Amino acid sequence: MVDAEKGAGPSHSAPKQSPNQYEEHDPGFCGLILIGISILICICFFPLAPFFIIKVVAQYEKAVILRLGCIRKGGAAGPGLFFFLPCVDEIHVVDMRTVSFDVPPQEILTKDSVTVTVDAVVYFRIQDAVSSVCNVDNVKTATRLLAQTTLRNMLGTKSLSEILSEREEISNSMQKTLDCGTDPWGVLVERVEVKDVRLPQNLQRAMLPKLKLTGMPRLRLLLLKES
């Protein structure tokens, strides 16, 4: 039996939860009977039972075990070999590796009433397997949707010149906001990058002469780079 997961890594604080939130509950009389029957079945079919009661998870995975619907004592198990009881244990295997996804292009109206299309890429990993199973239905989908709304809300408060010239600051701010929002789900957002900012071609052609006349060469240069 492998050791259970002790908690989050040192690089990030653990999700805020009460100490007893995931303690194993008393299964009660009926629950004890079901567990006893499951153990008895394993004994009776011992030559074949190891094929059904042994689970192996990879080095980059954790297994969250629900016994009679409740988190088993010790939290998440793995990596390595562990035993479980058939019929009473439900296993959820969680990938702990860093994954990335593209935020689809979002049409955003900036603070100065210019419509731009922006996309980004987000890198994140699950740091608390139990929270990712118990606190959210689909952690990857939830993180993806939150990233889309965060990108729209954040860039909607910026002007066009700020979006073009402050990408690094916007990415860092978005990373902190996403990390805070996904913390109860056991997710650590490691990096966010704004990939591309696109303006309609007709709007670019209309703006460049005006920027030249109004003495804004920096913004004009940024628009030329985007085009």
Protein backbone atom coordinates (compact mmCIF):
# COMPACT_ATOMS: atom_id res chain seq x y z
CA MET A 1 0.00 0.00 0.00
CA VAL A 2 1.50 3.30 -0.99
CA ASP A 3 1.50 6.38 1.18
CA ALA A 4 -1.37 8.78 0.75
CA GLU A 5 -0.89 12.26 -0.58
CA LYS A 6 0.19 14.55 2.22
CA GLY A 7 -0.82 17.87 0.70
CA ALA A 8 0.16 20.49 -1.82
CA GLY A 9 3.70 21.12 -2.96
CA PRO A 10 5.87 23.85 -1.48
CA SER A 11 5.49 26.13 -4.50
CA HIS A 12 1.85 26.94 -3.76
CA SER A 13 -0.41 27.04 -0.76
CA ALA A 14 -2.98 24.26 -0.42
CA PRO A 15 -6.61 25.02 -1.29
CA LYS A 16 -8.41 26.64 1.60
CA GLN A 17 -10.52 23.94 3.23
CA SER A 18 -11.45 22.93 6.73
CA PRO A 19 -9.10 20.33 8.24
CA ASN A 20 -11.89 17.73 8.59
CA GLN A 21 -13.54 18.31 5.23
CA TYR A 22 -12.30 15.09 3.66
CA GLU A 23 -12.05 12.84 6.70
CA GLU A 24 -13.33 9.30 6.27
CA HIS A 25 -16.90 8.96 7.56
CA ASP A 26 -18.23 6.13 9.67
CA PRO A 27 -19.73 3.67 7.14
CA GLY A 28 -22.37 2.57 9.60
CA PHE A 29 -23.71 -0.92 10.15
CA CYS A 30 -24.88 -1.48 6.56
CA GLY A 31 -21.62 -0.12 5.21
CA LEU A 32 -19.59 -2.49 7.40
CA ILE A 33 -21.67 -5.41 6.13
CA LEU A 34 -20.98 -4.43 2.50
CA ILE A 35 -17.25 -4.06 3.20
CA GLY A 36 -17.24 -7.46 4.92
CA ILE A 37 -19.01 -9.07 1.95
CA SER A 38 -16.49 -7.49 -0.43
CA ILE A 39 -13.57 -8.85 1.61
CA LEU A 40 -15.23 -12.28 1.76
CA ILE A 41 -15.63 -12.31 -2.04
CA CYS A 42 -11.94 -11.49 -2.43
CA ILE A 43 -11.01 -14.39 -0.12
CA CYS A 44 -13.30 -16.86 -1.87
CA PHE A 45 -11.93 -16.00 -5.30
CA PHE A 46 -8.35 -15.53 -4.16
CA PRO A 47 -6.62 -17.03 -7.21
CA LEU A 48 -8.39 -14.52 -9.44
CA ALA A 49 -8.99 -11.72 -6.94
CA PRO A 50 -5.57 -10.01 -7.31
CA PHE A 51 -6.44 -9.17 -10.92
CA PHE A 52 -9.45 -7.19 -9.69
CA ILE A 53 -8.24 -5.65 -6.41
CA ILE A 54 -4.81 -4.35 -7.43
CA LYS A 55 -4.38 -1.03 -9.21
CA VAL A 56 -1.21 0.58 -10.54
CA VAL A 57 -0.93 4.31 -11.19
CA ALA A 58 1.95 5.95 -13.00
CA GLN A 59 4.53 8.27 -11.47
CA TYR A 60 2.64 11.32 -12.71
CA GLU A 61 -0.78 10.18 -11.43
CA LYS A 62 -2.75 10.08 -8.19
CA ALA A 63 -5.74 7.86 -7.40
CA VAL A 64 -8.65 9.30 -5.41
CA ILE A 65 -10.59 6.44 -3.81
CA LEU A 66 -14.21 6.82 -2.73
CA ARG A 67 -15.31 4.06 -0.37
CA LEU A 68 -19.10 3.89 -0.23
CA GLY A 69 -19.14 7.39 -1.70
CA CYS A 70 -16.75 8.95 0.83
CA ILE A 71 -13.06 9.81 0.53
CA ARG A 72 -11.00 6.96 1.93
CA LYS A 73 -8.76 7.74 4.87
CA GLY A 74 -5.40 9.07 3.70
CA GLY A 75 -6.69 11.03 0.70
CA ALA A 76 -5.16 10.27 -2.68
CA ALA A 77 -2.98 7.21 -3.27
CA GLY A 78 -0.08 6.75 -5.62
CA PRO A 79 2.07 6.62 -7.52
CA GLY A 80 2.69 2.89 -7.51
CA LEU A 81 0.72 -0.16 -6.43
CA PHE A 82 -2.28 -0.20 -4.09
CA PHE A 83 -5.24 -2.38 -3.20
CA PHE A 84 -8.93 -1.58 -3.30
CA LEU A 85 -12.15 -3.43 -2.55
CA PRO A 86 -14.45 -4.32 -5.46
CA CYS A 87 -18.04 -3.10 -5.41
CA VAL A 88 -17.49 -0.62 -2.55
CA ASP A 89 -14.52 1.43 -3.85
CA GLU A 90 -14.72 3.89 -6.74
CA ILE A 91 -11.39 5.04 -8.21
CA HIS A 92 -10.70 8.35 -9.97
CA VAL A 93 -7.22 8.59 -11.53
CA VAL A 94 -5.93 12.17 -11.77
CA ASP A 95 -3.09 13.27 -14.06
CA MET A 96 -0.76 15.59 -12.12
CA ARG A 97 1.33 16.75 -15.11
CA THR A 98 1.34 20.27 -16.49
CA VAL A 99 -1.09 20.63 -19.39
CA SER A 100 -1.82 23.52 -21.71
CA PHE A 101 -4.79 24.74 -23.71
CA ASP A 102 -5.49 27.53 -26.14
CA VAL A 103 -8.05 30.15 -25.18
CA PRO A 104 -10.18 30.55 -28.34
CA PRO A 105 -10.05 33.98 -30.02
CA GLN A 106 -12.25 36.38 -28.08
CA GLU A 107 -13.79 39.52 -29.57
CA ILE A 108 -13.31 42.24 -26.97
CA LEU A 109 -14.45 45.85 -26.85
CA THR A 110 -11.64 47.87 -25.30
CA LYS A 111 -12.01 50.82 -22.95
CA ASP A 112 -11.61 53.21 -25.87
CA SER A 113 -14.36 51.44 -27.88
CA VAL A 114 -12.14 49.50 -30.29
CA THR A 115 -13.04 45.90 -31.16
CA VAL A 116 -10.05 43.55 -31.06
CA THR A 117 -9.69 39.77 -31.29
CA VAL A 118 -7.37 38.26 -28.69
CA ASP A 119 -6.29 34.70 -27.96
CA ALA A 120 -4.01 33.24 -25.30
CA VAL A 121 -2.47 30.02 -23.99
CA VAL A 122 -2.68 28.76 -20.40
CA TYR A 123 -0.41 26.28 -18.62
CA PHE A 124 -1.69 24.63 -15.45
CA ARG A 125 -1.44 21.48 -13.36
CA ILE A 126 -3.46 19.80 -10.63
CA GLN A 127 -1.72 20.05 -7.27
CA ASP A 128 -4.50 18.61 -5.05
CA ALA A 129 -6.09 15.51 -6.56
CA VAL A 130 -8.83 15.22 -3.92
CA SER A 131 -10.04 18.80 -4.43
CA SER A 132 -10.04 18.38 -8.21
CA VAL A 133 -12.41 15.41 -7.86
CA CYS A 134 -14.64 16.60 -4.99
CA ASN A 135 -14.94 20.36 -5.61
CA VAL A 136 -15.61 20.58 -9.35
CA ASP A 137 -17.33 18.36 -11.91
CA ASN A 138 -14.77 18.68 -14.72
CA VAL A 139 -11.67 20.56 -13.65
CA LYS A 140 -10.20 21.02 -17.14
CA THR A 141 -13.41 22.34 -18.66
CA ALA A 142 -14.01 24.64 -15.70
CA THR A 143 -10.48 26.06 -15.93
CA ARG A 144 -10.85 26.59 -19.68
CA LEU A 145 -14.14 28.48 -19.33
CA LEU A 146 -12.81 30.59 -16.47
CA ALA A 147 -9.78 31.53 -18.59
CA GLN A 148 -12.06 32.76 -21.39
CA THR A 149 -14.15 34.96 -19.10
CA THR A 150 -11.07 36.26 -17.29
CA LEU A 151 -9.45 37.27 -20.59
CA ARG A 152 -12.57 39.11 -21.71
CA ASN A 153 -13.13 40.87 -18.39
CA MET A 154 -9.52 41.91 -17.96
CA LEU A 155 -8.93 43.26 -21.47
CA GLY A 156 -12.28 45.04 -21.44
CA THR A 157 -10.82 47.44 -18.88
CA LYS A 158 -7.76 48.25 -21.04
CA SER A 159 -7.30 50.66 -23.90
CA LEU A 160 -5.93 49.51 -27.25
CA SER A 161 -2.49 51.01 -26.59
CA GLU A 162 -2.30 49.27 -23.20
CA ILE A 163 -3.23 45.89 -24.71
CA LEU A 164 -0.56 46.23 -27.40
CA SER A 165 2.21 47.52 -25.16
CA GLU A 166 1.58 45.77 -21.83
CA ARG A 167 1.20 42.12 -22.79
CA GLU A 168 3.56 40.84 -20.11
CA GLU A 169 1.77 42.76 -17.34
CA ILE A 170 -1.61 41.60 -18.62
CA SER A 171 -0.40 37.97 -18.75
CA ASN A 172 0.95 38.13 -15.18
CA SER A 173 -2.23 39.72 -13.87
CA MET A 174 -4.38 37.13 -15.65
CA GLN A 175 -2.24 34.32 -14.23
CA LYS A 176 -2.73 35.57 -10.67
CA THR A 177 -6.48 36.01 -11.15
CA LEU A 178 -6.88 32.53 -12.65
CA ASP A 179 -4.72 30.95 -9.96
CA CYS A 180 -6.87 32.51 -7.24
CA GLY A 181 -10.11 31.44 -8.94
CA THR A 182 -9.01 27.82 -9.45
CA ASP A 183 -7.37 27.38 -6.04
CA PRO A 184 -10.45 25.67 -4.48
CA TRP A 185 -10.33 23.15 -7.35
CA GLY A 186 -6.78 22.09 -6.49
CA VAL A 187 -5.36 23.72 -9.63
CA LEU A 188 -2.13 25.68 -9.93
CA VAL A 189 -2.00 28.03 -12.93
CA GLU A 190 1.69 28.25 -13.82
CA ARG A 191 1.74 30.57 -16.81
CA VAL A 192 -0.51 32.59 -19.11
CA GLU A 193 0.60 34.09 -22.41
CA VAL A 194 -1.35 36.46 -24.65
CA LYS A 195 -0.58 35.08 -28.10
CA ASP A 196 -2.10 37.44 -30.63
CA VAL A 197 -4.02 40.72 -30.78
CA ARG A 198 -5.79 41.32 -34.09
CA LEU A 199 -7.65 44.34 -35.38
CA PRO A 200 -9.89 44.39 -38.46
CA GLN A 201 -7.85 45.35 -41.53
CA ASN A 202 -10.10 48.27 -42.41
CA LEU A 203 -9.72 49.63 -38.87
CA GLN A 204 -5.93 49.34 -39.05
CA ARG A 205 -5.80 51.26 -42.32
CA ALA A 206 -8.09 53.95 -40.92
CA MET A 207 -6.11 54.36 -37.68
CA LEU A 208 -2.53 54.51 -38.98
CA PRO A 209 -2.78 57.92 -40.71
CA LYS A 210 -4.55 59.41 -37.69
CA LEU A 211 -1.89 58.13 -35.32
CA LYS A 212 0.82 59.62 -37.51
CA LEU A 213 -0.88 63.02 -37.41
CA THR A 214 -1.60 62.95 -33.68
CA GLY A 215 1.99 62.15 -32.76
CA MET A 216 1.61 58.62 -31.42
CA PRO A 217 4.49 56.81 -33.20
CA ARG A 218 4.76 54.05 -30.58
CA LEU A 219 1.17 52.88 -31.03
CA ARG A 220 1.54 53.22 -34.81
CA LEU A 221 4.63 50.98 -34.69
CA LEU A 222 2.78 48.41 -32.59
CA LEU A 223 -0.11 48.37 -35.05
CA LEU A 224 2.33 47.81 -37.91
CA LYS A 225 3.83 44.87 -36.04
CA GLU A 226 0.38 43.35 -35.45
CA SER A 227 -0.51 43.73 -39.10
